[in-house]
Amino acid sequence: MKKAIRLIAVIAILGFTGGAVSAQTLTITDSNYGNGVFSGTYVGTNSQPAITIATSKPVTIINSVVSGPGDLIYSYYASNPNITIMNTLGTGTYPGGTGQYKGRFVKIDGPEGVTIEHCTLESTGGIYLDDYKGDTSANQTIRIRYNKVHNIDGRKTDGNGGYRNGNTNNDFFRAQFVQLNHIGNNGPVNGIEIAWNEVVNDPYNSRVEDNINIGGGGSGTSGSPMQIHDNYIQGAYPALPGAQYQQTFSGGGILLSDGGGGGASWVQAHDNIVVGTTNYGVQINGGSNCAYWNNRIVASGFLPSGEKIWAMNRGGILDQGNNNIAHQPGNVNVGNVIGWVWPAGTINNGGSTGARGDAYFPENPDDYNHQTWWTPNDGAHPTISDEANEYNGWTQRLNNNNVFVGALSGYIVVRNRWTNNLINTDSGFTCSNVGTNYWDAQWAFEMTTDGYYKLRNREQGPAGPTNSYINTENGFQCTGIVSDWWSAQWSIERTSDGYFRLKNRWQGTYINTESGFQCTNIQPGWWSAMWSFQAGS
């Protein structure tokens, strides 16, 4: 038994690979292409991305850790038909200097087909895709799903180790969780989907513009509209949201059409939860055949600290944008739940009590008749506690739909709900009472390119005597494997109350402790087959 060193940095550096530190950049070219699948730990600089894709062949980046002050994963007109990024942790670091800002997690100019799933973004400039060059089919589309995002940050450095706090273009870079720009250049694109992402921006530690922005020229098709659904978006603020002098802010939640260039078309946003995004919750700005419905759009007008947000504007907006045409054709917004508060004394409310700024539909006033105006049980305005309840509703939605968001990064302990014990190899392959700091109780979750996971033991992994994975090849065991064995691949199922089941791809059976430590058929309600995941200590 080997105990883990109590350093977060060790976990972050070893990440998914558990091998030697590769604190260097990677440029993917035809000469080092191999099978096109890349995993590792890569660290960029201000001028050099952690990973640069410079091949026209399909590329998959999986089970990786990328970090740096600049762009983390970058491609510039590489004529690449398919870029897939999965189970990857991306962290932006302080860029130093004066007037510098953190780069994007992913920046691709001239994308053809892009999939970004089950990634975790921490303190980055988000995802930027510009000037689509694909064939517009569902085989060369854009899918951004199941990601977990914390603090999209476009603040510029102040030269003194911190960030500028002003509210002008000199003080920040317009960063987004997702910006799709000029995506319809080759014609409307089929199958675009932005779904099941969790985005949380903290006040004073982030500066996002639009969390999701569909820029001018972005277009789905009439038969396959762009789908933005089942996302949780919390927070969009100026640098100092509690400062009275920062009473204007242009960012917000989901912008279906960005007005300029004729706006976007055939974009639909539904079943999203948008909380506390200041200037707007969901907006259509120009464009055509855009729609949002069945979204929850809620803001108390206050920060978690209790400070007023001085720049509060509207929850739902549908306006003419830059085109000066009243009510763009086909634009619709119905059936949303909206509760948006202007605190007393702020820019839109000079009164002594809070007021509502739920919506602004100047081109089609009838839209006011097709919303649900959010009212809590006590009849007052939404509060900070009500905002927190929206997140509780989101986690319940994840549980009910068996959805897991983010990357499984670093080394993880797997704890049984029924016995409270950990899966480990301390005295054989078992589930017993050992510490979370034991390496033999820590597992790397390595994702396959088709979405399953292999569970590699840290003690018996590359740093230990063997390279051992949980499998059912010859009974239930932890041994060396052949890389493509289905017996060593597992799907993760969520329970309705937040636990997980581990189902074997080959046998269709589940890991459980019902009659000893085993992998068998189960009953759905067995706590013995339910597990929680936490970082190894």
Foldseek 3Di string as FASTA:
>chain_A
DDFFDPDVVVLQQCKQPLDDGPAAAEEDEPVPCVVQEDAHEFEAEQVGANYEYQAQEEHEYFRYEFEYQAEHYEYEQNVHQEYEYAQYEYEYDDRADFLGGRYEPYEYEAAFAYEYFQAEYYAHLAYEYEDHDHPQELSREYEAAQAEYEANAFATPHNPPHTDQDDDPSGGDAGENYEYYLNQVVHAHADAEHEHYEYEYAALRHAHAANYYYEANHEHDPVHAHEYALYEAEEHAGNHQLDQVCQAGRGFYHEQWQQPNQTYARHEYEHYEGEAGAAEHYEYAAHEQYEYAHYEFAYPQAHPVRGGRQHHAEYYEYARHPPPDQPHYNYYYAHYEWAGKHADCHPVHVHDGIDTRYYYYVRDVCRVVGYHYDADPVRDGDDPVNRVVVVVVSLLVCQVVQRHHHHPIGWKWKAFQPPRFTQFCPPHGFTHHDALRDQRRIWNWTADPVGWTWTWGSCQPPVHDHTWTFFQPPFTHTHDDDVPDLRRTWDWGHHSVGWIWTARRPPRWTFFQPPGTHTGHDDPPDSRRTIDMDHRD
